């Protein structure tokens, strides 16, 4: 059912990067703890939902998991943009992870379009 992409591995790698980034932020900027907690939840949920979709019981279940992954990716994108706007973290540190988040969003959208067409 899953489109042939490296989306599972990329989302897993992205989650690892989010966890490391959040660890860095917690150690250096305790004032944004709420953002860190939200970003860890949403950033790791992307891959978890993609992984769950692999074992989907139906096409509708698969699509639902991918839609959740997309929502979580968009939320993560928001938190990263918010961190960029605060200037607490250097742009050169955040820009690559923001770019990867945007790529994952594009891949999820493309996967959803493909899966819906094959209904």
PDB file of N, CA and C in Angstrom:
ATOM      1  N   UNK A   1       0.807  -1.203   0.000  1.00  0.00           N
ATOM      2  CA  UNK A   1       0.000   0.000   0.000  1.00  0.00           C
ATOM      3  C   UNK A   1       0.854   1.273   0.000  1.00  0.00           C
ATOM      4  N   UNK A   2       1.997   1.244   0.657  1.00  0.00           N
ATOM      5  CA  UNK A   2       2.803   2.449   0.797  1.00  0.00           C
ATOM      6  C   UNK A   2       3.508   2.792  -0.511  1.00  0.00           C
ATOM      7  N   UNK A   3       3.438   4.048  -0.929  1.00  0.00           N
ATOM      8  CA  UNK A   3       4.162   4.450  -2.135  1.00  0.00           C
ATOM      9  C   UNK A   3       5.655   4.202  -1.967  1.00  0.00           C
ATOM     10  N   UNK A   4       6.346   3.946  -3.076  1.00  0.00           N
ATOM     11  CA  UNK A   4       7.773   3.621  -3.011  1.00  0.00           C
ATOM     12  C   UNK A   4       8.591   4.910  -2.863  1.00  0.00           C
ATOM     13  N   UNK A   5       8.884   5.256  -1.645  1.00  0.00           N
ATOM     14  CA  UNK A   5       9.723   6.412  -1.338  1.00  0.00           C
ATOM     15  C   UNK A   5      10.572   6.062  -0.132  1.00  0.00           C
ATOM     16  N   UNK A   6      11.451   6.949   0.224  1.00  0.00           N
ATOM     17  CA  UNK A   6      12.235   6.755   1.431  1.00  0.00           C
ATOM     18  C   UNK A   6      11.600   7.522   2.590  1.00  0.00           C
ATOM     19  N   UNK A   7      10.311   7.706   2.527  1.00  0.00           N
ATOM     20  CA  UNK A   7       9.592   8.503   3.519  1.00  0.00           C
ATOM     21  C   UNK A   7       9.712   7.928   4.924  1.00  0.00           C
ATOM     22  N   UNK A   8       9.628   6.611   5.060  1.00  0.00           N
ATOM     23  CA  UNK A   8       9.744   6.004   6.396  1.00  0.00           C
ATOM     24  C   UNK A   8      11.103   6.304   7.011  1.00  0.00           C
ATOM     25  N   UNK A   9      12.153   6.111   6.240  1.00  0.00           N
ATOM     26  CA  UNK A   9      13.500   6.355   6.774  1.00  0.00           C
ATOM     27  C   UNK A   9      13.748   7.842   7.014  1.00  0.00           C
ATOM     28  N   UNK A  10      13.265   8.674   6.112  1.00  0.00           N
ATOM     29  CA  UNK A  10      13.456  10.118   6.290  1.00  0.00           C
ATOM     30  C   UNK A  10      12.709  10.622   7.517  1.00  0.00           C
ATOM     31  N   UNK A  11      11.496  10.121   7.721  1.00  0.00           N
ATOM     32  CA  UNK A  11      10.741  10.571   8.890  1.00  0.00           C
ATOM     33  C   UNK A  11      11.384  10.060  10.179  1.00  0.00           C
ATOM     34  N   UNK A  12      11.980   8.876  10.139  1.00  0.00           N
ATOM     35  CA  UNK A  12      12.697   8.354  11.298  1.00  0.00           C
ATOM     36  C   UNK A  12      13.931   9.220  11.586  1.00  0.00           C
ATOM     37  N   UNK A  13      14.699   9.507  10.557  1.00  0.00           N
ATOM     38  CA  UNK A  13      15.870  10.374  10.712  1.00  0.00           C
ATOM     39  C   UNK A  13      15.482  11.761  11.194  1.00  0.00           C
ATOM     40  N   UNK A  14      14.365  12.245  10.700  1.00  0.00           N
ATOM     41  CA  UNK A  14      13.866  13.556  11.124  1.00  0.00           C
ATOM     42  C   UNK A  14      13.535  13.535  12.613  1.00  0.00           C
ATOM     43  N   UNK A  15      12.907  12.463  13.080  1.00  0.00           N
ATOM     44  CA  UNK A  15      12.573  12.342  14.503  1.00  0.00           C
ATOM     45  C   UNK A  15      13.837  12.346  15.356  1.00  0.00           C
ATOM     46  N   UNK A  16      14.867  11.666  14.891  1.00  0.00           N
ATOM     47  CA  UNK A  16      16.149  11.660  15.611  1.00  0.00           C
ATOM     48  C   UNK A  16      16.703  13.079  15.701  1.00  0.00           C
ATOM     49  N   UNK A  17      16.641  13.809  14.590  1.00  0.00           N
ATOM     50  CA  UNK A  17      17.142  15.195  14.579  1.00  0.00           C
ATOM     51  C   UNK A  17      16.323  16.085  15.510  1.00  0.00           C
ATOM     52  N   UNK A  18      15.013  15.878  15.541  1.00  0.00           N
ATOM     53  CA  UNK A  18      14.141  16.663  16.422  1.00  0.00           C
ATOM     54  C   UNK A  18      14.507  16.407  17.886  1.00  0.00           C
ATOM     55  N   UNK A  19      14.701  15.134  18.225  1.00  0.00           N
ATOM     56  CA  UNK A  19      15.047  14.796  19.609  1.00  0.00           C
ATOM     57  C   UNK A  19      16.373  15.451  19.996  1.00  0.00           C
ATOM     58  N   UNK A  20      17.360  15.388  19.117  1.00  0.00           N
ATOM     59  CA  UNK A  20      18.664  16.009  19.403  1.00  0.00           C
ATOM     60  C   UNK A  20      18.536  17.526  19.517  1.00  0.00           C
ATOM     61  N   UNK A  21      17.783  18.127  18.616  1.00  0.00           N
ATOM     62  CA  UNK A  21      17.575  19.571  18.656  1.00  0.00           C
ATOM     63  C   UNK A  21      16.890  19.971  19.957  1.00  0.00           C
ATOM     64  N   UNK A  22      15.857  19.235  20.332  1.00  0.00           N
ATOM     65  CA  UNK A  22      15.122  19.552  21.554  1.00  0.00           C
ATOM     66  C   UNK A  22      15.993  19.370  22.792  1.00  0.00           C
ATOM     67  N   UNK A  23      16.868  18.375  22.766  1.00  0.00           N
ATOM     68  CA  UNK A  23      17.821  18.199  23.864  1.00  0.00           C
ATOM     69  C   UNK A  23      18.741  19.398  23.979  1.00  0.00           C
ATOM     70  N   UNK A  24      19.223  19.880  22.845  1.00  0.00           N
ATOM     71  CA  UNK A  24      20.075  21.067  22.833  1.00  0.00           C
ATOM     72  C   UNK A  24      19.322  22.282  23.377  1.00  0.00           C
ATOM     73  N   UNK A  25      18.092  22.455  22.925  1.00  0.00           N
ATOM     74  CA  UNK A  25      17.299  23.604  23.368  1.00  0.00           C
ATOM     75  C   UNK A  25      17.038  23.526  24.866  1.00  0.00           C
ATOM     76  N   UNK A  26      16.687  22.352  25.364  1.00  0.00           N
ATOM     77  CA  UNK A  26      16.417  22.200  26.802  1.00  0.00           C
ATOM     78  C   UNK A  26      17.641  22.540  27.633  1.00  0.00           C
ATOM     79  N   UNK A  27      18.806  22.186  27.133  1.00  0.00           N
ATOM     80  CA  UNK A  27      20.039  22.465  27.876  1.00  0.00           C
ATOM     81  C   UNK A  27      20.436  23.932  27.834  1.00  0.00           C
ATOM     82  N   UNK A  28      19.999  24.654  26.822  1.00  0.00           N
ATOM     83  CA  UNK A  28      20.456  26.029  26.630  1.00  0.00           C
ATOM     84  C   UNK A  28      19.378  27.105  26.744  1.00  0.00           C
ATOM     85  N   UNK A  29      18.127  26.728  26.626  1.00  0.00           N
ATOM     86  CA  UNK A  29      17.033  27.705  26.620  1.00  0.00           C
ATOM     87  C   UNK A  29      15.813  27.136  27.338  1.00  0.00           C
ATOM     88  N   UNK A  30      15.868  27.036  28.610  1.00  0.00           N
ATOM     89  CA  UNK A  30      14.777  26.439  29.387  1.00  0.00           C
ATOM     90  C   UNK A  30      13.473  27.238  29.264  1.00  0.00           C
ATOM     91  N   UNK A  31      13.564  28.468  28.821  1.00  0.00           N
ATOM     92  CA  UNK A  31      12.376  29.323  28.737  1.00  0.00           C
ATOM     93  C   UNK A  31      11.382  28.858  27.681  1.00  0.00           C
ATOM     94  N   UNK A  32      11.801  28.010  26.771  1.00  0.00           N
ATOM     95  CA  UNK A  32      10.902  27.550  25.705  1.00  0.00           C
ATOM     96  C   UNK A  32      10.538  26.068  25.878  1.00  0.00           C
ATOM     97  N   UNK A  33      10.441  25.628  27.114  1.00  0.00           N
ATOM     98  CA  UNK A  33      10.141  24.227  27.424  1.00  0.00           C
ATOM     99  C   UNK A  33       8.832  23.759  26.786  1.00  0.00           C
ATOM    100  N   UNK A  34       7.821  24.605  26.788  1.00  0.00           N
ATOM    101  CA  UNK A  34       6.529  24.240  26.213  1.00  0.00           C
ATOM    102  C   UNK A  34       6.676  23.955  24.721  1.00  0.00           C
ATOM    103  N   UNK A  35       7.419  24.787  24.030  1.00  0.00           N
ATOM    104  CA  UNK A  35       7.636  24.590  22.597  1.00  0.00           C
ATOM    105  C   UNK A  35       8.386  23.283  22.355  1.00  0.00           C
ATOM    106  N   UNK A  36       9.402  23.034  23.165  1.00  0.00           N
ATOM    107  CA  UNK A  36      10.187  21.813  23.028  1.00  0.00           C
ATOM    108  C   UNK A  36       9.304  20.585  23.205  1.00  0.00           C
ATOM    109  N   UNK A  37       8.470  20.596  24.228  1.00  0.00           N
ATOM    110  CA  UNK A  37       7.579  19.455  24.460  1.00  0.00           C
ATOM    111  C   UNK A  37       6.636  19.232  23.276  1.00  0.00           C
ATOM    112  N   UNK A  38       6.071  20.293  22.758  1.00  0.00           N
ATOM    113  CA  UNK A  38       5.161  20.181  21.612  1.00  0.00           C
ATOM    114  C   UNK A  38       5.906  19.667  20.384  1.00  0.00           C
ATOM    115  N   UNK A  39       7.117  20.184  20.164  1.00  0.00           N
ATOM    116  CA  UNK A  39       7.880  19.815  18.982  1.00  0.00           C
ATOM    117  C   UNK A  39       8.324  18.354  19.048  1.00  0.00           C
ATOM    118  N   UNK A  40       8.673  17.874  20.220  1.00  0.00           N
ATOM    119  CA  UNK A  40       9.037  16.460  20.352  1.00  0.00           C
ATOM    120  C   UNK A  40       7.830  15.582  20.034  1.00  0.00           C
ATOM    121  N   UNK A  41       6.675  15.951  20.560  1.00  0.00           N
ATOM    122  CA  UNK A  41       5.468  15.153  20.304  1.00  0.00           C
ATOM    123  C   UNK A  41       5.133  15.114  18.807  1.00  0.00           C
ATOM    124  N   UNK A  42       5.058  16.292  18.204  1.00  0.00           N
ATOM    125  CA  UNK A  42       4.654  16.330  16.800  1.00  0.00           C
ATOM    126  C   UNK A  42       5.754  15.798  15.878  1.00  0.00           C
ATOM    127  N   UNK A  43       7.004  16.134  16.159  1.00  0.00           N
ATOM    128  CA  UNK A  43       8.108  15.721  15.287  1.00  0.00           C
ATOM    129  C   UNK A  43       8.366  14.231  15.273  1.00  0.00           C
ATOM    130  N   UNK A  44       8.094  13.557  16.393  1.00  0.00           N
ATOM    131  CA  UNK A  44       8.287  12.107  16.426  1.00  0.00           C
ATOM    132  C   UNK A  44       7.021  11.367  15.994  1.00  0.00           C
ATOM    133  N   UNK A  45       5.899  12.029  16.059  1.00  0.00           N
ATOM    134  CA  UNK A  45       4.629  11.410  15.678  1.00  0.00           C
ATOM    135  C   UNK A  45       4.520  11.201  14.165  1.00  0.00           C
ATOM    136  N   UNK A  46       5.234  11.993  13.400  1.00  0.00           N
ATOM    137  CA  UNK A  46       5.182  11.869  11.936  1.00  0.00           C
ATOM    138  C   UNK A  46       5.566  10.444  11.534  1.00  0.00           C
ATOM    139  N   UNK A  47       6.749  10.050  11.931  1.00  0.00           N
ATOM    140  CA  UNK A  47       7.246   8.722  11.576  1.00  0.00           C
ATOM    141  C   UNK A  47       6.437   7.602  12.201  1.00  0.00           C
ATOM    142  N   UNK A  48       5.968   7.823  13.430  1.00  0.00           N
ATOM    143  CA  UNK A  48       5.170   6.800  14.100  1.00  0.00           C
ATOM    144  C   UNK A  48       3.891   6.515  13.309  1.00  0.00           C
ATOM    145  N   UNK A  49       3.258   7.548  12.803  1.00  0.00           N
ATOM    146  CA  UNK A  49       2.034   7.359  12.020  1.00  0.00           C
ATOM    147  C   UNK A  49       2.318   6.738  10.658  1.00  0.00           C
ATOM    148  N   UNK A  50       3.427   7.095  10.056  1.00  0.00           N
ATOM    149  CA  UNK A  50       3.818   6.475   8.786  1.00  0.00           C
ATOM    150  C   UNK A  50       4.080   4.990   9.009  1.00  0.00           C
ATOM    151  N   UNK A  51       4.737   4.680  10.113  1.00  0.00           N
ATOM    152  CA  UNK A  51       5.009   3.277  10.458  1.00  0.00           C
ATOM    153  C   UNK A  51       3.706   2.517  10.701  1.00  0.00           C
ATOM    154  N   UNK A  52       2.783   3.139  11.408  1.00  0.00           N
ATOM    155  CA  UNK A  52       1.481   2.502  11.649  1.00  0.00           C
ATOM    156  C   UNK A  52       0.737   2.261  10.339  1.00  0.00           C
ATOM    157  N   UNK A  53       0.881   3.183   9.394  1.00  0.00           N
ATOM    158  CA  UNK A  53       0.189   3.031   8.107  1.00  0.00           C
ATOM    159  C   UNK A  53       0.660   1.789   7.366  1.00  0.00           C
ATOM    160  N   UNK A  54       1.895   1.400   7.588  1.00  0.00           N
ATOM    161  CA  UNK A  54       2.423   0.191   6.938  1.00  0.00           C
ATOM    162  C   UNK A  54       1.596  -1.038   7.317  1.00  0.00           C
ATOM    163  N   UNK A  55       1.070  -1.044   8.523  1.00  0.00           N
ATOM    164  CA  UNK A  55       0.239  -2.161   8.964  1.00  0.00           C
ATOM    165  C   UNK A  55      -1.242  -1.854   8.930  1.00  0.00           C
ATOM    166  N   UNK A  56      -1.626  -0.914   8.101  1.00  0.00           N
ATOM    167  CA  UNK A  56      -3.035  -0.513   8.025  1.00  0.00           C
ATOM    168  C   UNK A  56      -3.939  -1.683   7.682  1.00  0.00           C
ATOM    169  N   UNK A  57      -5.123  -1.664   8.268  1.00  0.00           N
ATOM    170  CA  UNK A  57      -6.089  -2.734   8.039  1.00  0.00           C
ATOM    171  C   UNK A  57      -6.916  -2.517   6.785  1.00  0.00           C
ATOM    172  N   UNK A  58      -6.907  -1.290   6.294  1.00  0.00           N
ATOM    173  CA  UNK A  58      -7.666  -0.978   5.087  1.00  0.00           C
ATOM    174  C   UNK A  58      -7.064   0.260   4.434  1.00  0.00           C
ATOM    175  N   UNK A  59      -7.513   0.549   3.245  1.00  0.00           N
ATOM    176  CA  UNK A  59      -7.064   1.755   2.540  1.00  0.00           C
ATOM    177  C   UNK A  59      -7.469   3.005   3.332  1.00  0.00           C
ATOM    178  N   UNK A  60      -8.665   2.988   3.908  1.00  0.00           N
ATOM    179  CA  UNK A  60      -9.129   4.130   4.707  1.00  0.00           C
ATOM    180  C   UNK A  60      -8.245   4.318   5.938  1.00  0.00           C
ATOM    181  N   UNK A  61      -7.842   3.232   6.565  1.00  0.00           N
ATOM    182  CA  UNK A  61      -6.953   3.297   7.727  1.00  0.00           C
ATOM    183  C   UNK A  61      -5.596   3.860   7.322  1.00  0.00           C
ATOM    184  N   UNK A  62      -5.085   3.390   6.192  1.00  0.00           N
ATOM    185  CA  UNK A  62      -3.817   3.892   5.653  1.00  0.00           C
ATOM    186  C   UNK A  62      -3.882   5.404   5.426  1.00  0.00           C
ATOM    187  N   UNK A  63      -4.938   5.836   4.753  1.00  0.00           N
ATOM    188  CA  UNK A  63      -5.092   7.267   4.467  1.00  0.00           C
ATOM    189  C   UNK A  63      -5.217   8.079   5.747  1.00  0.00           C
ATOM    190  N   UNK A  64      -5.938   7.567   6.719  1.00  0.00           N
ATOM    191  CA  UNK A  64      -6.106   8.277   7.989  1.00  0.00           C
ATOM    192  C   UNK A  64      -4.760   8.469   8.684  1.00  0.00           C
ATOM    193  N   UNK A  65      -3.926   7.430   8.682  1.00  0.00           N
ATOM    194  CA  UNK A  65      -2.602   7.529   9.325  1.00  0.00           C
ATOM    195  C   UNK A  65      -1.722   8.540   8.599  1.00  0.00           C
ATOM    196  N   UNK A  66      -1.776   8.541   7.285  1.00  0.00           N
ATOM    197  CA  UNK A  66      -0.972   9.503   6.522  1.00  0.00           C
ATOM    198  C   UNK A  66      -1.481  10.936   6.727  1.00  0.00           C
ATOM    199  N   UNK A  67      -2.778  11.089   6.850  1.00  0.00           N
ATOM    200  CA  UNK A  67      -3.327  12.422   7.131  1.00  0.00           C
ATOM    201  C   UNK A  67      -2.863  12.916   8.501  1.00  0.00           C
ATOM    202  N   UNK A  68      -2.836  12.029   9.471  1.00  0.00           N
ATOM    203  CA  UNK A  68      -2.343  12.418  10.805  1.00  0.00           C
ATOM    204  C   UNK A  68      -0.869  12.782  10.722  1.00  0.00           C
ATOM    205  N   UNK A  69      -0.090  11.990  10.003  1.00  0.00           N
ATOM    206  CA  UNK A  69       1.335  12.290   9.839  1.00  0.00           C
ATOM    207  C   UNK A  69       1.523  13.671   9.205  1.00  0.00           C
ATOM    208  N   UNK A  70       0.699  13.993   8.215  1.00  0.00           N
ATOM    209  CA  UNK A  70       0.781  15.299   7.560  1.00  0.00           C
ATOM    210  C   UNK A  70       0.441  16.428   8.532  1.00  0.00           C
ATOM    211  N   UNK A  71      -0.599  16.239   9.328  1.00  0.00           N
ATOM    212  CA  UNK A  71      -0.960  17.256  10.320  1.00  0.00           C
ATOM    213  C   UNK A  71       0.181  17.470  11.315  1.00  0.00           C
ATOM    214  N   UNK A  72       0.795  16.387  11.748  1.00  0.00           N
ATOM    215  CA  UNK A  72       1.903  16.482  12.699  1.00  0.00           C
ATOM    216  C   UNK A  72       3.114  17.169  12.066  1.00  0.00           C
ATOM    217  N   UNK A  73       3.357  16.888  10.793  1.00  0.00           N
ATOM    218  CA  UNK A  73       4.466  17.538  10.084  1.00  0.00           C
ATOM    219  C   UNK A  73       4.227  19.042   9.980  1.00  0.00           C
ATOM    220  N   UNK A  74       3.001  19.420   9.680  1.00  0.00           N
ATOM    221  CA  UNK A  74       2.687  20.848   9.594  1.00  0.00           C
ATOM    222  C   UNK A  74       2.818  21.524  10.956  1.00  0.00           C
ATOM    223  N   UNK A  75       2.416  20.830  12.024  1.00  0.00           N
ATOM    224  CA  UNK A  75       2.575  21.397  13.362  1.00  0.00           C
ATOM    225  C   UNK A  75       4.054  21.566  13.698  1.00  0.00           C
ATOM    226  N   UNK A  76       4.849  20.572  13.378  1.00  0.00           N
ATOM    227  CA  UNK A  76       6.285  20.648  13.631  1.00  0.00           C
ATOM    228  C   UNK A  76       6.895  21.814  12.865  1.00  0.00           C
ATOM    229  N   UNK A  77       6.460  21.981  11.634  1.00  0.00           N
ATOM    230  CA  UNK A  77       6.928  23.099  10.804  1.00  0.00           C
ATOM    231  C   UNK A  77       6.639  24.428  11.501  1.00  0.00           C
ATOM    232  N   UNK A  78       5.467  24.536  12.080  1.00  0.00           N
ATOM    233  CA  UNK A  78       5.087  25.752  12.812  1.00  0.00           C
ATOM    234  C   UNK A  78       6.047  26.010  13.979  1.00  0.00           C
ATOM    235  N   UNK A  79       6.324  24.970  14.778  1.00  0.00           N
ATOM    236  CA  UNK A  79       7.191  25.156  15.950  1.00  0.00           C
ATOM    237  C   UNK A  79       8.604  25.547  15.540  1.00  0.00           C
ATOM    238  N   UNK A  80       9.101  24.957  14.471  1.00  0.00           N
ATOM    239  CA  UNK A  80      10.446  25.314  14.005  1.00  0.00           C
ATOM    240  C   UNK A  80      10.461  26.762  13.527  1.00  0.00           C
ATOM    241  N   UNK A  81       9.440  27.165  12.785  1.00  0.00           N
ATOM    242  CA  UNK A  81       9.348  28.563  12.338  1.00  0.00           C
ATOM    243  C   UNK A  81       9.283  29.520  13.527  1.00  0.00           C
ATOM    244  N   UNK A  82       8.542  29.122  14.559  1.00  0.00           N
ATOM    245  CA  UNK A  82       8.435  29.950  15.757  1.00  0.00           C
ATOM    246  C   UNK A  82       9.801  30.106  16.427  1.00  0.00           C
ATOM    247  N   UNK A  83      10.540  29.017  16.515  1.00  0.00           N
ATOM    248  CA  UNK A  83      11.888  29.098  17.080  1.00  0.00           C
ATOM    249  C   UNK A  83      12.787  29.997  16.240  1.00  0.00           C
ATOM    250  N   UNK A  84      12.659  29.897  14.928  1.00  0.00           N
ATOM    251  CA  UNK A  84      13.430  30.783  14.050  1.00  0.00           C
ATOM    252  C   UNK A  84      13.100  32.247  14.318  1.00  0.00           C
ATOM    253  N   UNK A  85      11.834  32.527  14.511  1.00  0.00           N
ATOM    254  CA  UNK A  85      11.387  33.912  14.722  1.00  0.00           C
ATOM    255  C   UNK A  85      11.876  34.488  16.044  1.00  0.00           C
ATOM    256  N   UNK A  86      12.144  33.626  17.023  1.00  0.00           N
ATOM    257  CA  UNK A  86      12.604  34.116  18.327  1.00  0.00           C
ATOM    258  C   UNK A  86      14.085  34.438  18.342  1.00  0.00           C
ATOM    259  N   UNK A  87      14.820  33.931  17.363  1.00  0.00           N
ATOM    260  CA  UNK A  87      16.270  34.108  17.279  1.00  0.00           C
ATOM    261  C   UNK A  87      17.025  33.513  18.469  1.00  0.00           C
ATOM    262  N   UNK A  88      16.398  32.589  19.193  1.00  0.00           N
ATOM    263  CA  UNK A  88      17.094  31.922  20.288  1.00  0.00           C
ATOM    264  C   UNK A  88      18.108  30.907  19.768  1.00  0.00           C
ATOM    265  N   UNK A  89      17.792  30.321  18.634  1.00  0.00           N
ATOM    266  CA  UNK A  89      18.660  29.332  18.006  1.00  0.00           C
ATOM    267  C   UNK A  89      19.115  29.915  16.672  1.00  0.00           C
ATOM    268  N   UNK A  90      20.378  29.701  16.339  1.00  0.00           N
ATOM    269  CA  UNK A  90      20.898  30.240  15.089  1.00  0.00           C
ATOM    270  C   UNK A  90      20.154  29.661  13.885  1.00  0.00           C
ATOM    271  N   UNK A  91      19.906  30.534  12.926  1.00  0.00           N
ATOM    272  CA  UNK A  91      19.195  30.116  11.723  1.00  0.00           C
ATOM    273  C   UNK A  91      19.928  28.978  11.023  1.00  0.00           C
ATOM    274  N   UNK A  92      21.249  29.008  11.015  1.00  0.00           N
ATOM    275  CA  UNK A  92      21.997  27.952  10.320  1.00  0.00           C
ATOM    276  C   UNK A  92      21.786  26.586  10.967  1.00  0.00           C
ATOM    277  N   UNK A  93      21.407  26.562  12.232  1.00  0.00           N
ATOM    278  CA  UNK A  93      21.113  25.297  12.913  1.00  0.00           C
ATOM    279  C   UNK A  93      19.683  24.825  12.612  1.00  0.00           C
ATOM    280  N   UNK A  94      18.756  25.763  12.491  1.00  0.00           N
ATOM    281  CA  UNK A  94      17.347  25.409  12.296  1.00  0.00           C
ATOM    282  C   UNK A  94      16.947  25.262  10.829  1.00  0.00           C
ATOM    283  N   UNK A  95      17.581  26.000   9.942  1.00  0.00           N
ATOM    284  CA  UNK A  95      17.157  25.989   8.537  1.00  0.00           C
ATOM    285  C   UNK A  95      17.194  24.598   7.902  1.00  0.00           C
ATOM    286  N   UNK A  96      18.249  23.806   8.131  1.00  0.00           N
ATOM    287  CA  UNK A  96      18.243  22.473   7.515  1.00  0.00           C
ATOM    288  C   UNK A  96      17.096  21.582   8.003  1.00  0.00           C
ATOM    289  N   UNK A  97      16.758  21.661   9.273  1.00  0.00           N
ATOM    290  CA  UNK A  97      15.669  20.828   9.793  1.00  0.00           C
ATOM    291  C   UNK A  97      14.313  21.361   9.305  1.00  0.00           C
ATOM    292  N   UNK A  98      14.205  22.674   9.132  1.00  0.00           N
ATOM    293  CA  UNK A  98      12.993  23.252   8.549  1.00  0.00           C
ATOM    294  C   UNK A  98      12.846  22.781   7.105  1.00  0.00           C
ATOM    295  N   UNK A  99      13.943  22.792   6.350  1.00  0.00           N
ATOM    296  CA  UNK A  99      13.916  22.334   4.956  1.00  0.00           C
ATOM    297  C   UNK A  99      13.510  20.861   4.870  1.00  0.00           C
ATOM    298  N   UNK A 100      14.046  20.036   5.767  1.00  0.00           N
ATOM    299  CA  UNK A 100      13.690  18.617   5.766  1.00  0.00           C
ATOM    300  C   UNK A 100      12.214  18.438   6.098  1.00  0.00           C
ATOM    301  N   UNK A 101      11.710  19.215   7.030  1.00  0.00           N
ATOM    302  CA  UNK A 101      10.292  19.148   7.381  1.00  0.00           C
ATOM    303  C   UNK A 101       9.436  19.493   6.161  1.00  0.00           C
ATOM    304  N   UNK A 102       9.833  20.506   5.414  1.00  0.00           N
ATOM    305  CA  UNK A 102       9.097  20.896   4.208  1.00  0.00           C
ATOM    306  C   UNK A 102       9.117  19.778   3.165  1.00  0.00           C
ATOM    307  N   UNK A 103      10.255  19.096   3.040  1.00  0.00           N
ATOM    308  CA  UNK A 103      10.350  17.978   2.099  1.00  0.00           C
ATOM    309  C   UNK A 103       9.442  16.824   2.518  1.00  0.00           C
ATOM    310  N   UNK A 104       9.415  16.537   3.813  1.00  0.00           N
ATOM    311  CA  UNK A 104       8.543  15.467   4.313  1.00  0.00           C
ATOM    312  C   UNK A 104       7.084  15.820   4.069  1.00  0.00           C
ATOM    313  N   UNK A 105       6.719  17.072   4.275  1.00  0.00           N
ATOM    314  CA  UNK A 105       5.347  17.520   3.998  1.00  0.00           C
ATOM    315  C   UNK A 105       5.011  17.279   2.523  1.00  0.00           C
ATOM    316  N   UNK A 106       5.903  17.658   1.633  1.00  0.00           N
ATOM    317  CA  UNK A 106       5.682  17.463   0.197  1.00  0.00           C
ATOM    318  C   UNK A 106       5.527  15.981  -0.139  1.00  0.00           C
ATOM    319  N   UNK A 107       6.352  15.155   0.475  1.00  0.00           N
ATOM    320  CA  UNK A 107       6.288  13.722   0.221  1.00  0.00           C
ATOM    321  C   UNK A 107       4.976  13.123   0.730  1.00  0.00           C
ATOM    322  N   UNK A 108       4.544  13.576   1.897  1.00  0.00           N
ATOM    323  CA  UNK A 108       3.268  13.090   2.438  1.00  0.00           C
ATOM    324  C   UNK A 108       2.104  13.496   1.542  1.00  0.00           C
ATOM    325  N   UNK A 109       2.104  14.735   1.094  1.00  0.00           N
ATOM    326  CA  UNK A 109       1.041  15.205   0.205  1.00  0.00           C
ATOM    327  C   UNK A 109       1.034  14.373  -1.076  1.00  0.00           C
ATOM    328  N   UNK A 110       2.212  14.167  -1.663  1.00  0.00           N
ATOM    329  CA  UNK A 110       2.293  13.377  -2.893  1.00  0.00           C
ATOM    330  C   UNK A 110       1.825  11.944  -2.655  1.00  0.00           C
ATOM    331  N   UNK A 111       2.191  11.368  -1.531  1.00  0.00           N
ATOM    332  CA  UNK A 111       1.771  10.001  -1.199  1.00  0.00           C
ATOM    333  C   UNK A 111       0.259   9.919  -1.042  1.00  0.00           C
ATOM    334  N   UNK A 112      -0.313  10.917  -0.388  1.00  0.00           N
ATOM    335  CA  UNK A 112      -1.765  10.931  -0.209  1.00  0.00           C
ATOM    336  C   UNK A 112      -2.490  11.063  -1.544  1.00  0.00           C
ATOM    337  N   UNK A 113      -1.981  11.922  -2.414  1.00  0.00           N
ATOM    338  CA  UNK A 113      -2.592  12.086  -3.737  1.00  0.00           C
ATOM    339  C   UNK A 113      -2.545  10.783  -4.503  1.00  0.00           C
ATOM    340  N   UNK A 114      -1.386  10.131  -4.494  1.00  0.00           N
ATOM    341  CA  UNK A 114      -1.222   8.843  -5.189  1.00  0.00           C
ATOM    342  C   UNK A 114      -2.152   7.783  -4.616  1.00  0.00           C
ATOM    343  N   UNK A 115      -2.204   7.701  -3.286  1.00  0.00           N
ATOM    344  CA  UNK A 115      -3.041   6.681  -2.648  1.00  0.00           C
ATOM    345  C   UNK A 115      -4.518   6.919  -2.924  1.00  0.00           C
ATOM    346  N   UNK A 116      -4.940   8.172  -2.950  1.00  0.00           N
ATOM    347  CA  UNK A 116      -6.344   8.472  -3.219  1.00  0.00           C
ATOM    348  C   UNK A 116      -6.726   8.151  -4.662  1.00  0.00           C
ATOM    349  N   UNK A 117      -5.779   8.352  -5.587  1.00  0.00           N
ATOM    350  CA  UNK A 117      -6.045   8.055  -6.990  1.00  0.00           C
ATOM    351  C   UNK A 117      -6.221   6.561  -7.225  1.00  0.00           C
ATOM    352  N   UNK A 118      -5.532   5.761  -6.414  1.00  0.00           N
ATOM    353  CA  UNK A 118      -5.591   4.313  -6.610  1.00  0.00           C
ATOM    354  C   UNK A 118      -6.740   3.647  -5.863  1.00  0.00           C
ATOM    355  N   UNK A 119      -7.631   4.454  -5.337  1.00  0.00           N
ATOM    356  CA  UNK A 119      -8.803   3.916  -4.605  1.00  0.00           C
ATOM    357  C   UNK A 119      -9.713   3.146  -5.495  1.00  0.00           C
TER     358      UNK A 119
END
